[in-house]
Amino acid sequence: QYEEKLEQISFSVPNITDDDVPFGKDEDDNVCIKTVLEPTKFDFKPKEHWELGESLGWLDFERGAKLSGSRFTVLRGMGARLSRALVNYMIDFNSARGFELVNVPYLVSSNTLFGTGQLPKFEEDLYKVRDEDLYLIPTSEVPVTNLYNDTIIEAEQLPIKMTCYSACFRQEAGSAGRDTRGMIRQHQFEKVELVSITRPDQSEGVLAEMISCASDLLTSLGLPHRHMLLCSGDLGFSAAKTIDLEVWLPGQGKYREISSISNTRDFQARRAKIRFKDGKKNMLVNTLNGSSLAVGRTLIAIMENYQKADGTIEIPEVLKRYM
């Protein structure tokens, strides 16, 4: 009985941070370790994405709210086409970097969510199907990592690197009053994810690969961004170390998170029972995840960075063949 209680308590204890993670309380204590491209400059006052999107007929917030309530948006016409172009470009870019494309269910069991650390601690942020043991995924990290739930992998198969496009669903329970305008914080949004499963000695190198992939993708789109090393107080529950990529939004006049890339070490592997055969012993793998990229926020970043004085948007060169 006491062992059971102790185990239940342990499920609510977050991961141990890596030694090089700075100590801090919140996002104000995060450390900028790299800046890529200078912030875009204009000879006019740049508009925010919601103003541009409404005037062009790309973003319909009114009908999104009419259909589903707050924090839902309808994309129309060129806005919808640009969003789809971004998805296809991101998938091609990640695939060219050696990530296998996978397509997964959007509904998963509580055991699956336990494996990656969303349950039991963060149930209030999930959408649950009534009377069934099914939840809408908050990120495709959940089903993709759990493809190897309760599995012993041959050492020579590692690292396993995957990319996945999906819709994501979040209650945003702790976000009341934050980013109420526009598309920054939605209950339903799209993301192209990277997930890697590695031996412990491979995970630092693969983390660097994943950061490089997402950063190079932003650079190829001509989007100014910076790399932020998250402090201990801003780390996610499952992460031992996280690098956020923040994109420059000239309409807002600040950087906003567009990708969060984490090494969870063996934290998720222990919960999900993902192991590899090391000689005669079975050892826990390391798991890593990160966005490459959040689709809606990339769309926003293009709108704000590529806007013209007349309110139109230039399409980045690399996306034109995808339109």
C-alpha atoms as a PDB file:
ATOM      1  CA  GLN A   1       0.000   0.000   0.000  1.00  0.00           C
ATOM      2  CA  TYR A   2       2.769   2.469   0.960  1.00  0.00           C
ATOM      3  CA  GLU A   3       4.811   1.468  -2.098  1.00  0.00           C
ATOM      4  CA  GLU A   4       1.781   2.163  -4.280  1.00  0.00           C
ATOM      5  CA  LYS A   5       1.314   5.585  -2.674  1.00  0.00           C
ATOM      6  CA  LEU A   6       4.997   6.393  -3.099  1.00  0.00           C
ATOM      7  CA  GLU A   7       4.824   5.373  -6.756  1.00  0.00           C
ATOM      8  CA  GLN A   8       1.784   7.622  -7.310  1.00  0.00           C
ATOM      9  CA  ILE A   9       3.616  10.565  -5.714  1.00  0.00           C
ATOM     10  CA  SER A  10       6.702   9.892  -7.859  1.00  0.00           C
ATOM     11  CA  PHE A  11       4.564  10.215 -11.006  1.00  0.00           C
ATOM     12  CA  SER A  12       4.048  13.893 -10.165  1.00  0.00           C
ATOM     13  CA  VAL A  13       7.760  14.642  -9.696  1.00  0.00           C
ATOM     14  CA  PRO A  14       9.367  16.376 -12.713  1.00  0.00           C
ATOM     15  CA  ASN A  15      12.566  15.328 -14.467  1.00  0.00           C
ATOM     16  CA  ILE A  16      16.030  16.127 -13.089  1.00  0.00           C
ATOM     17  CA  THR A  17      17.645  19.023 -14.983  1.00  0.00           C
ATOM     18  CA  ASP A  18      20.944  18.726 -16.860  1.00  0.00           C
ATOM     19  CA  ASP A  19      23.979  20.321 -15.189  1.00  0.00           C
ATOM     20  CA  ASP A  20      24.236  23.114 -17.782  1.00  0.00           C
ATOM     21  CA  VAL A  21      20.633  24.294 -17.285  1.00  0.00           C
ATOM     22  CA  PRO A  22      20.724  27.738 -15.621  1.00  0.00           C
ATOM     23  CA  PHE A  23      18.943  28.097 -12.289  1.00  0.00           C
ATOM     24  CA  GLY A  24      16.008  30.490 -12.505  1.00  0.00           C
ATOM     25  CA  LYS A  25      12.387  31.192 -11.649  1.00  0.00           C
ATOM     26  CA  ASP A  26      10.654  31.886 -14.972  1.00  0.00           C
ATOM     27  CA  GLU A  27      11.140  32.985 -18.609  1.00  0.00           C
ATOM     28  CA  ASP A  28      12.896  36.171 -17.467  1.00  0.00           C
ATOM     29  CA  ASP A  29      15.825  33.992 -16.372  1.00  0.00           C
ATOM     30  CA  ASN A  30      16.211  32.165 -19.710  1.00  0.00           C
ATOM     31  CA  VAL A  31      19.527  32.735 -21.510  1.00  0.00           C
ATOM     32  CA  CYS A  32      19.920  33.822 -25.149  1.00  0.00           C
ATOM     33  CA  ILE A  33      22.735  31.716 -26.618  1.00  0.00           C
ATOM     34  CA  LYS A  34      22.461  32.634 -30.308  1.00  0.00           C
ATOM     35  CA  THR A  35      20.734  35.125 -32.622  1.00  0.00           C
ATOM     36  CA  VAL A  36      20.104  34.300 -36.298  1.00  0.00           C
ATOM     37  CA  LEU A  37      19.348  37.100 -38.819  1.00  0.00           C
ATOM     38  CA  GLU A  38      18.752  40.704 -37.818  1.00  0.00           C
ATOM     39  CA  PRO A  39      15.170  41.779 -36.954  1.00  0.00           C
ATOM     40  CA  THR A  40      13.288  42.916 -40.081  1.00  0.00           C
ATOM     41  CA  LYS A  41      13.186  46.688 -40.535  1.00  0.00           C
ATOM     42  CA  PHE A  42      10.463  48.693 -42.292  1.00  0.00           C
ATOM     43  CA  ASP A  43      10.085  52.281 -43.493  1.00  0.00           C
ATOM     44  CA  PHE A  44       6.474  52.161 -42.254  1.00  0.00           C
ATOM     45  CA  LYS A  45       4.791  51.045 -39.024  1.00  0.00           C
ATOM     46  CA  PRO A  46       4.366  47.248 -39.346  1.00  0.00           C
ATOM     47  CA  LYS A  47       0.946  45.800 -38.557  1.00  0.00           C
ATOM     48  CA  GLU A  48       0.166  42.813 -36.363  1.00  0.00           C
ATOM     49  CA  HIS A  49      -0.920  39.560 -37.997  1.00  0.00           C
ATOM     50  CA  TRP A  50      -4.592  39.791 -37.011  1.00  0.00           C
ATOM     51  CA  GLU A  51      -4.944  43.187 -38.652  1.00  0.00           C
ATOM     52  CA  LEU A  52      -3.236  41.969 -41.840  1.00  0.00           C
ATOM     53  CA  GLY A  53      -5.150  38.668 -41.835  1.00  0.00           C
ATOM     54  CA  GLU A  54      -8.575  40.257 -41.453  1.00  0.00           C
ATOM     55  CA  SER A  55      -7.987  42.925 -44.110  1.00  0.00           C
ATOM     56  CA  LEU A  56      -6.730  40.314 -46.624  1.00  0.00           C
ATOM     57  CA  GLY A  57      -9.504  37.821 -45.800  1.00  0.00           C
ATOM     58  CA  TRP A  58      -6.929  35.211 -44.733  1.00  0.00           C
ATOM     59  CA  LEU A  59      -7.942  34.904 -41.059  1.00  0.00           C
ATOM     60  CA  ASP A  60     -11.585  34.791 -39.984  1.00  0.00           C
ATOM     61  CA  PHE A  61     -11.707  35.111 -36.203  1.00  0.00           C
ATOM     62  CA  GLU A  62     -15.408  35.975 -36.122  1.00  0.00           C
ATOM     63  CA  ARG A  63     -16.534  32.767 -37.825  1.00  0.00           C
ATOM     64  CA  GLY A  64     -14.040  30.709 -35.827  1.00  0.00           C
ATOM     65  CA  ALA A  65     -15.661  32.018 -32.638  1.00  0.00           C
ATOM     66  CA  LYS A  66     -19.134  31.488 -34.111  1.00  0.00           C
ATOM     67  CA  LEU A  67     -18.343  27.832 -34.832  1.00  0.00           C
ATOM     68  CA  SER A  68     -16.378  26.901 -31.719  1.00  0.00           C
ATOM     69  CA  GLY A  69     -15.901  29.798 -29.273  1.00  0.00           C
ATOM     70  CA  SER A  70     -12.769  31.755 -28.385  1.00  0.00           C
ATOM     71  CA  ARG A  71      -9.269  30.709 -29.493  1.00  0.00           C
ATOM     72  CA  PHE A  72     -10.395  29.119 -32.765  1.00  0.00           C
ATOM     73  CA  THR A  73      -9.628  30.578 -36.210  1.00  0.00           C
ATOM     74  CA  VAL A  74     -10.833  29.868 -39.748  1.00  0.00           C
ATOM     75  CA  LEU A  75      -8.169  30.181 -42.473  1.00  0.00           C
ATOM     76  CA  ARG A  76      -9.453  31.109 -45.921  1.00  0.00           C
ATOM     77  CA  GLY A  77      -8.152  31.487 -49.456  1.00  0.00           C
ATOM     78  CA  MET A  78      -4.455  32.360 -49.637  1.00  0.00           C
ATOM     79  CA  GLY A  79      -4.151  32.070 -45.850  1.00  0.00           C
ATOM     80  CA  ALA A  80      -5.268  28.428 -46.000  1.00  0.00           C
ATOM     81  CA  ARG A  81      -3.044  27.775 -49.042  1.00  0.00           C
ATOM     82  CA  LEU A  82       0.016  29.289 -47.363  1.00  0.00           C
ATOM     83  CA  SER A  83      -0.625  27.188 -44.254  1.00  0.00           C
ATOM     84  CA  ARG A  84      -0.803  24.016 -46.366  1.00  0.00           C
ATOM     85  CA  ALA A  85       2.334  25.049 -48.289  1.00  0.00           C
ATOM     86  CA  LEU A  86       4.179  25.458 -44.982  1.00  0.00           C
ATOM     87  CA  VAL A  87       3.167  21.967 -43.817  1.00  0.00           C
ATOM     88  CA  ASN A  88       4.416  20.353 -47.033  1.00  0.00           C
ATOM     89  CA  TYR A  89       7.640  22.379 -47.017  1.00  0.00           C
ATOM     90  CA  MET A  90       8.353  21.524 -43.359  1.00  0.00           C
ATOM     91  CA  ILE A  91       7.771  17.804 -43.961  1.00  0.00           C
ATOM     92  CA  ASP A  92      10.087  17.824 -47.013  1.00  0.00           C
ATOM     93  CA  PHE A  93      12.756  19.805 -45.125  1.00  0.00           C
ATOM     94  CA  ASN A  94      12.711  17.479 -42.096  1.00  0.00           C
ATOM     95  CA  SER A  95      12.624  14.351 -44.279  1.00  0.00           C
ATOM     96  CA  ALA A  96      15.712  15.562 -46.170  1.00  0.00           C
ATOM     97  CA  ARG A  97      17.484  15.759 -42.771  1.00  0.00           C
ATOM     98  CA  GLY A  98      16.866  12.046 -42.183  1.00  0.00           C
ATOM     99  CA  PHE A  99      13.613  12.097 -40.209  1.00  0.00           C
ATOM    100  CA  GLU A 100      11.125   9.371 -41.202  1.00  0.00           C
ATOM    101  CA  LEU A 101       7.601  10.663 -41.877  1.00  0.00           C
ATOM    102  CA  VAL A 102       4.911   9.013 -39.741  1.00  0.00           C
ATOM    103  CA  ASN A 103       1.158   9.583 -39.507  1.00  0.00           C
ATOM    104  CA  VAL A 104      -0.520   8.835 -36.176  1.00  0.00           C
ATOM    105  CA  PRO A 105      -3.976   8.832 -34.509  1.00  0.00           C
ATOM    106  CA  TYR A 106      -5.180  12.084 -32.923  1.00  0.00           C
ATOM    107  CA  LEU A 107      -6.910  10.159 -30.119  1.00  0.00           C
ATOM    108  CA  VAL A 108      -4.784   8.265 -27.588  1.00  0.00           C
ATOM    109  CA  SER A 109      -5.270   6.319 -24.347  1.00  0.00           C
ATOM    110  CA  SER A 110      -4.402   7.489 -20.834  1.00  0.00           C
ATOM    111  CA  ASN A 111      -1.515   4.986 -20.783  1.00  0.00           C
ATOM    112  CA  THR A 112      -0.040   6.662 -23.863  1.00  0.00           C
ATOM    113  CA  LEU A 113      -0.274  10.103 -22.221  1.00  0.00           C
ATOM    114  CA  PHE A 114       1.262   8.697 -19.036  1.00  0.00           C
ATOM    115  CA  GLY A 115       4.259   7.468 -21.030  1.00  0.00           C
ATOM    116  CA  THR A 116       5.240  10.953 -22.192  1.00  0.00           C
ATOM    117  CA  GLY A 117       4.385  12.665 -18.888  1.00  0.00           C
ATOM    118  CA  GLN A 118       1.110  14.506 -19.607  1.00  0.00           C
ATOM    119  CA  LEU A 119      -0.813  12.292 -17.171  1.00  0.00           C
ATOM    120  CA  PRO A 120      -1.605  12.285 -14.341  1.00  0.00           C
ATOM    121  CA  LYS A 121      -0.338  15.815 -13.616  1.00  0.00           C
ATOM    122  CA  PHE A 122      -1.745  17.799 -16.566  1.00  0.00           C
ATOM    123  CA  GLU A 123      -5.181  16.291 -17.178  1.00  0.00           C
ATOM    124  CA  GLU A 124      -6.886  19.709 -16.894  1.00  0.00           C
ATOM    125  CA  ASP A 125      -5.167  20.834 -20.110  1.00  0.00           C
ATOM    126  CA  LEU A 126      -6.417  17.837 -22.134  1.00  0.00           C
ATOM    127  CA  TYR A 127      -9.651  17.258 -24.047  1.00  0.00           C
ATOM    128  CA  LYS A 128     -11.174  13.910 -23.001  1.00  0.00           C
ATOM    129  CA  VAL A 129     -13.740  11.819 -24.858  1.00  0.00           C
ATOM    130  CA  ARG A 130     -16.690  11.252 -22.521  1.00  0.00           C
ATOM    131  CA  ASP A 131     -17.073   7.684 -21.175  1.00  0.00           C
ATOM    132  CA  GLU A 132     -14.009   6.439 -23.078  1.00  0.00           C
ATOM    133  CA  ASP A 133     -10.332   6.124 -22.225  1.00  0.00           C
ATOM    134  CA  LEU A 134      -9.397   8.454 -25.079  1.00  0.00           C
ATOM    135  CA  TYR A 135      -7.955  11.970 -25.216  1.00  0.00           C
ATOM    136  CA  LEU A 136      -7.193  14.355 -28.082  1.00  0.00           C
ATOM    137  CA  ILE A 137      -3.431  14.738 -28.455  1.00  0.00           C
ATOM    138  CA  PRO A 138      -1.835  17.981 -27.178  1.00  0.00           C
ATOM    139  CA  THR A 139       1.160  17.295 -29.469  1.00  0.00           C
ATOM    140  CA  SER A 140       2.159  14.463 -31.813  1.00  0.00           C
ATOM    141  CA  GLU A 141       5.165  13.896 -29.518  1.00  0.00           C
ATOM    142  CA  VAL A 142       2.719  11.768 -27.484  1.00  0.00           C
ATOM    143  CA  PRO A 143       1.737   9.105 -30.056  1.00  0.00           C
ATOM    144  CA  VAL A 144       5.054   9.199 -31.958  1.00  0.00           C
ATOM    145  CA  THR A 145       7.214   8.572 -28.859  1.00  0.00           C
ATOM    146  CA  ASN A 146       4.781   5.874 -27.713  1.00  0.00           C
ATOM    147  CA  LEU A 147       5.090   3.959 -30.976  1.00  0.00           C
ATOM    148  CA  TYR A 148       7.868   2.205 -29.039  1.00  0.00           C
ATOM    149  CA  ASN A 149       5.983   1.907 -25.721  1.00  0.00           C
ATOM    150  CA  ASP A 150       6.933  -1.353 -23.934  1.00  0.00           C
ATOM    151  CA  THR A 151       9.473  -2.209 -26.642  1.00  0.00           C
ATOM    152  CA  ILE A 152      13.060  -3.463 -26.617  1.00  0.00           C
ATOM    153  CA  ILE A 153      14.939  -1.994 -29.594  1.00  0.00           C
ATOM    154  CA  GLU A 154      18.129  -3.453 -31.063  1.00  0.00           C
ATOM    155  CA  ALA A 155      21.039  -1.064 -30.347  1.00  0.00           C
ATOM    156  CA  GLU A 156      22.032  -0.872 -34.029  1.00  0.00           C
ATOM    157  CA  GLN A 157      18.578   0.544 -34.897  1.00  0.00           C
ATOM    158  CA  LEU A 158      19.321   3.679 -32.860  1.00  0.00           C
ATOM    159  CA  PRO A 159      18.967   6.572 -33.263  1.00  0.00           C
ATOM    160  CA  ILE A 160      15.391   6.463 -34.583  1.00  0.00           C
ATOM    161  CA  LYS A 161      14.411   9.879 -35.970  1.00  0.00           C
ATOM    162  CA  MET A 162      10.807  10.686 -36.953  1.00  0.00           C
ATOM    163  CA  THR A 163       8.775  13.675 -38.133  1.00  0.00           C
ATOM    164  CA  CYS A 164       4.999  14.009 -37.948  1.00  0.00           C
ATOM    165  CA  TYR A 165       2.383  16.554 -38.973  1.00  0.00           C
ATOM    166  CA  SER A 166      -0.734  16.749 -36.802  1.00  0.00           C
ATOM    167  CA  ALA A 167      -3.407  18.950 -35.360  1.00  0.00           C
ATOM    168  CA  CYS A 168      -2.928  19.534 -31.614  1.00  0.00           C
ATOM    169  CA  PHE A 169      -5.592  20.257 -28.996  1.00  0.00           C
ATOM    170  CA  ARG A 170      -5.082  22.088 -25.692  1.00  0.00           C
ATOM    171  CA  GLN A 171      -7.442  23.566 -23.122  1.00  0.00           C
ATOM    172  CA  GLU A 172      -4.865  26.294 -22.317  1.00  0.00           C
ATOM    173  CA  ALA A 173      -6.144  26.104 -18.731  1.00  0.00           C
ATOM    174  CA  GLY A 174      -3.494  28.441 -17.312  1.00  0.00           C
ATOM    175  CA  SER A 175      -3.606  31.028 -20.104  1.00  0.00           C
ATOM    176  CA  ALA A 176      -6.672  33.118 -19.230  1.00  0.00           C
ATOM    177  CA  GLY A 177      -6.191  36.680 -20.448  1.00  0.00           C
ATOM    178  CA  ARG A 178      -2.982  35.898 -22.388  1.00  0.00           C
ATOM    179  CA  ASP A 179      -2.791  36.412 -26.172  1.00  0.00           C
ATOM    180  CA  THR A 180      -6.551  36.794 -26.500  1.00  0.00           C
ATOM    181  CA  ARG A 181      -6.238  38.451 -29.935  1.00  0.00           C
ATOM    182  CA  GLY A 182      -5.000  36.695 -33.026  1.00  0.00           C
ATOM    183  CA  MET A 183      -3.642  33.199 -33.577  1.00  0.00           C
ATOM    184  CA  ILE A 184      -0.732  32.969 -31.122  1.00  0.00           C
ATOM    185  CA  ARG A 185      -2.554  30.799 -28.556  1.00  0.00           C
ATOM    186  CA  GLN A 186      -5.268  28.459 -29.888  1.00  0.00           C
ATOM    187  CA  HIS A 187      -7.220  25.476 -28.575  1.00  0.00           C
ATOM    188  CA  GLN A 188      -6.593  23.734 -31.925  1.00  0.00           C
ATOM    189  CA  PHE A 189      -3.409  24.304 -33.904  1.00  0.00           C
ATOM    190  CA  GLU A 190      -1.097  22.487 -36.324  1.00  0.00           C
ATOM    191  CA  LYS A 191       2.476  21.473 -35.806  1.00  0.00           C
ATOM    192  CA  VAL A 192       5.193  19.480 -37.548  1.00  0.00           C
ATOM    193  CA  GLU A 193       7.075  17.610 -34.847  1.00  0.00           C
ATOM    194  CA  LEU A 194      10.488  15.946 -34.575  1.00  0.00           C
ATOM    195  CA  VAL A 195      10.887  12.939 -32.248  1.00  0.00           C
ATOM    196  CA  SER A 196      14.113  10.995 -31.693  1.00  0.00           C
ATOM    197  CA  ILE A 197      14.882   7.843 -29.729  1.00  0.00           C
ATOM    198  CA  THR A 198      18.566   7.339 -28.953  1.00  0.00           C
ATOM    199  CA  ARG A 199      21.145   5.605 -26.828  1.00  0.00           C
ATOM    200  CA  PRO A 200      22.162   7.787 -23.849  1.00  0.00           C
ATOM    201  CA  ASP A 201      25.542   8.555 -25.461  1.00  0.00           C
ATOM    202  CA  GLN A 202      23.818   9.776 -28.669  1.00  0.00           C
ATOM    203  CA  SER A 203      21.217  12.136 -27.244  1.00  0.00           C
ATOM    204  CA  GLU A 204      23.337  15.310 -26.933  1.00  0.00           C
ATOM    205  CA  GLY A 205      24.429  15.031 -30.570  1.00  0.00           C
ATOM    206  CA  VAL A 206      20.878  14.344 -31.757  1.00  0.00           C
ATOM    207  CA  LEU A 207      19.577  17.313 -29.717  1.00  0.00           C
ATOM    208  CA  ALA A 208      22.047  19.532 -31.599  1.00  0.00           C
ATOM    209  CA  GLU A 209      20.830  18.022 -34.921  1.00  0.00           C
ATOM    210  CA  MET A 210      17.197  18.762 -34.059  1.00  0.00           C
ATOM    211  CA  ILE A 211      17.963  22.349 -33.027  1.00  0.00           C
ATOM    212  CA  SER A 212      19.930  22.838 -36.253  1.00  0.00           C
ATOM    213  CA  CYS A 213      17.076  21.396 -38.343  1.00  0.00           C
ATOM    214  CA  ALA A 214      14.435  23.743 -36.893  1.00  0.00           C
ATOM    215  CA  SER A 215      16.759  26.776 -36.937  1.00  0.00           C
ATOM    216  CA  ASP A 216      17.866  26.131 -40.529  1.00  0.00           C
ATOM    217  CA  LEU A 217      14.204  25.794 -41.519  1.00  0.00           C
ATOM    218  CA  LEU A 218      13.474  29.241 -40.072  1.00  0.00           C
ATOM    219  CA  THR A 219      16.572  30.654 -41.797  1.00  0.00           C
ATOM    220  CA  SER A 220      15.485  29.177 -45.144  1.00  0.00           C
ATOM    221  CA  LEU A 221      12.216  31.108 -44.726  1.00  0.00           C
ATOM    222  CA  GLY A 222      14.176  34.291 -43.985  1.00  0.00           C
ATOM    223  CA  LEU A 223      12.738  34.577 -40.470  1.00  0.00           C
ATOM    224  CA  PRO A 224      14.907  36.251 -37.787  1.00  0.00           C
ATOM    225  CA  HIS A 225      15.053  34.191 -34.610  1.00  0.00           C
ATOM    226  CA  ARG A 226      17.064  33.452 -31.495  1.00  0.00           C
ATOM    227  CA  HIS A 227      18.000  30.372 -29.441  1.00  0.00           C
ATOM    228  CA  MET A 228      17.005  30.495 -25.757  1.00  0.00           C
ATOM    229  CA  LEU A 229      18.336  28.051 -23.144  1.00  0.00           C
ATOM    230  CA  LEU A 230      15.476  27.590 -20.681  1.00  0.00           C
ATOM    231  CA  CYS A 231      16.167  28.011 -16.973  1.00  0.00           C
ATOM    232  CA  SER A 232      15.113  25.416 -14.398  1.00  0.00           C
ATOM    233  CA  GLY A 233      11.903  27.257 -13.477  1.00  0.00           C
ATOM    234  CA  ASP A 234      10.679  27.453 -17.086  1.00  0.00           C
ATOM    235  CA  LEU A 235      11.393  23.834 -18.058  1.00  0.00           C
ATOM    236  CA  GLY A 236       8.543  21.498 -18.950  1.00  0.00           C
ATOM    237  CA  PHE A 237       7.666  18.604 -16.640  1.00  0.00           C
ATOM    238  CA  SER A 238       9.425  15.898 -18.699  1.00  0.00           C
ATOM    239  CA  ALA A 239      12.427  17.896 -19.949  1.00  0.00           C
ATOM    240  CA  ALA A 240      15.991  17.678 -18.640  1.00  0.00           C
ATOM    241  CA  LYS A 241      17.050  20.462 -21.024  1.00  0.00           C
ATOM    242  CA  THR A 242      15.166  22.648 -23.508  1.00  0.00           C
ATOM    243  CA  ILE A 243      16.174  25.102 -26.205  1.00  0.00           C
ATOM    244  CA  ASP A 244      13.376  27.392 -27.395  1.00  0.00           C
ATOM    245  CA  LEU A 245      13.567  29.032 -30.804  1.00  0.00           C
ATOM    246  CA  GLU A 246      11.859  32.423 -30.717  1.00  0.00           C
ATOM    247  CA  VAL A 247      10.902  34.158 -33.969  1.00  0.00           C
ATOM    248  CA  TRP A 248      10.881  37.937 -34.422  1.00  0.00           C
ATOM    249  CA  LEU A 249       7.383  39.415 -34.880  1.00  0.00           C
ATOM    250  CA  PRO A 250       7.800  43.044 -36.049  1.00  0.00           C
ATOM    251  CA  GLY A 251       4.099  43.863 -35.575  1.00  0.00           C
ATOM    252  CA  GLN A 252       4.399  42.944 -31.892  1.00  0.00           C
ATOM    253  CA  GLY A 253       7.968  44.249 -31.706  1.00  0.00           C
ATOM    254  CA  LYS A 254       9.209  41.174 -29.839  1.00  0.00           C
ATOM    255  CA  TYR A 255      10.382  37.583 -30.123  1.00  0.00           C
ATOM    256  CA  ARG A 256       7.817  34.785 -29.601  1.00  0.00           C
ATOM    257  CA  GLU A 257       8.345  31.043 -29.164  1.00  0.00           C
ATOM    258  CA  ILE A 258       7.954  29.050 -32.379  1.00  0.00           C
ATOM    259  CA  SER A 259       9.745  25.819 -31.411  1.00  0.00           C
ATOM    260  CA  SER A 260      10.668  24.081 -28.173  1.00  0.00           C
ATOM    261  CA  ILE A 261      13.249  21.291 -28.459  1.00  0.00           C
ATOM    262  CA  SER A 262      13.832  19.064 -25.433  1.00  0.00           C
ATOM    263  CA  ASN A 263      15.993  16.188 -24.281  1.00  0.00           C
ATOM    264  CA  THR A 264      14.032  14.188 -21.698  1.00  0.00           C
ATOM    265  CA  ARG A 265      16.940  11.761 -21.105  1.00  0.00           C
ATOM    266  CA  ASP A 266      15.376   8.499 -19.797  1.00  0.00           C
ATOM    267  CA  PHE A 267      12.406  10.178 -18.040  1.00  0.00           C
ATOM    268  CA  GLN A 268       9.795   9.259 -20.671  1.00  0.00           C
ATOM    269  CA  ALA A 269      11.520   5.964 -21.491  1.00  0.00           C
ATOM    270  CA  ARG A 270      11.183   4.843 -17.869  1.00  0.00           C
ATOM    271  CA  ARG A 271       7.441   5.609 -17.838  1.00  0.00           C
ATOM    272  CA  ALA A 272       6.807   4.167 -21.309  1.00  0.00           C
ATOM    273  CA  LYS A 273       9.172   1.184 -20.827  1.00  0.00           C
ATOM    274  CA  ILE A 274      11.234   1.915 -23.953  1.00  0.00           C
ATOM    275  CA  ARG A 275      14.528   0.037 -23.810  1.00  0.00           C
ATOM    276  CA  PHE A 276      17.358  -1.085 -26.063  1.00  0.00           C
ATOM    277  CA  LYS A 277      19.481  -4.229 -25.994  1.00  0.00           C
ATOM    278  CA  ASP A 278      23.038  -3.349 -24.955  1.00  0.00           C
ATOM    279  CA  GLY A 279      24.927  -6.646 -25.161  1.00  0.00           C
ATOM    280  CA  LYS A 280      23.155  -8.909 -22.693  1.00  0.00           C
ATOM    281  CA  LYS A 281      21.464  -6.062 -20.784  1.00  0.00           C
ATOM    282  CA  ASN A 282      18.328  -4.074 -21.538  1.00  0.00           C
ATOM    283  CA  MET A 283      18.913  -0.344 -20.977  1.00  0.00           C
ATOM    284  CA  LEU A 284      16.578   2.662 -21.073  1.00  0.00           C
ATOM    285  CA  VAL A 285      16.751   4.818 -24.207  1.00  0.00           C
ATOM    286  CA  ASN A 286      16.767   8.627 -24.263  1.00  0.00           C
ATOM    287  CA  THR A 287      13.855  10.412 -25.982  1.00  0.00           C
ATOM    288  CA  LEU A 288      13.854  13.880 -27.543  1.00  0.00           C
ATOM    289  CA  ASN A 289      11.149  16.008 -29.116  1.00  0.00           C
ATOM    290  CA  GLY A 290      10.641  19.423 -30.661  1.00  0.00           C
ATOM    291  CA  SER A 291       8.644  21.403 -33.205  1.00  0.00           C
ATOM    292  CA  SER A 292       9.964  21.950 -36.700  1.00  0.00           C
ATOM    293  CA  LEU A 293       7.775  23.988 -36.724  1.00  0.00           C
ATOM    294  CA  ALA A 294       4.518  25.276 -35.208  1.00  0.00           C
ATOM    295  CA  VAL A 295       2.556  25.952 -38.416  1.00  0.00           C
ATOM    296  CA  GLY A 296       0.247  28.764 -37.242  1.00  0.00           C
ATOM    297  CA  ARG A 297       3.057  30.743 -35.634  1.00  0.00           C
ATOM    298  CA  THR A 298       5.204  30.343 -38.760  1.00  0.00           C
ATOM    299  CA  LEU A 299       2.294  31.679 -40.820  1.00  0.00           C
ATOM    300  CA  ILE A 300       2.034  34.647 -38.423  1.00  0.00           C
ATOM    301  CA  ALA A 301       5.792  35.267 -38.654  1.00  0.00           C
ATOM    302  CA  ILE A 302       5.695  35.287 -42.466  1.00  0.00           C
ATOM    303  CA  MET A 303       2.733  37.670 -42.485  1.00  0.00           C
ATOM    304  CA  GLU A 304       4.446  40.137 -40.148  1.00  0.00           C
ATOM    305  CA  ASN A 305       7.976  39.892 -41.618  1.00  0.00           C
ATOM    306  CA  TYR A 306       6.936  39.863 -45.294  1.00  0.00           C
ATOM    307  CA  GLN A 307       4.244  42.565 -45.161  1.00  0.00           C
ATOM    308  CA  LYS A 308       4.332  45.530 -47.541  1.00  0.00           C
ATOM    309  CA  ALA A 309       3.226  49.118 -46.966  1.00  0.00           C
ATOM    310  CA  ASP A 310      -0.051  48.474 -48.838  1.00  0.00           C
ATOM    311  CA  GLY A 311      -0.955  45.589 -46.468  1.00  0.00           C
ATOM    312  CA  THR A 312      -0.182  42.762 -48.912  1.00  0.00           C
ATOM    313  CA  ILE A 313       2.140  39.855 -48.065  1.00  0.00           C
ATOM    314  CA  GLU A 314       5.082  38.671 -50.150  1.00  0.00           C
ATOM    315  CA  ILE A 315       5.458  34.873 -50.304  1.00  0.00           C
ATOM    316  CA  PRO A 316       8.963  33.588 -49.371  1.00  0.00           C
ATOM    317  CA  GLU A 317      10.807  32.262 -52.431  1.00  0.00           C
ATOM    318  CA  VAL A 318      11.160  28.686 -51.098  1.00  0.00           C
ATOM    319  CA  LEU A 319       7.368  28.382 -50.670  1.00  0.00           C
ATOM    320  CA  LYS A 320       6.300  29.556 -54.125  1.00  0.00           C
ATOM    321  CA  ARG A 321       6.439  26.112 -55.723  1.00  0.00           C
ATOM    322  CA  TYR A 322       4.303  24.753 -52.843  1.00  0.00           C
ATOM    323  CA  MET A 323       1.524  27.309 -53.385  1.00  0.00           C
END
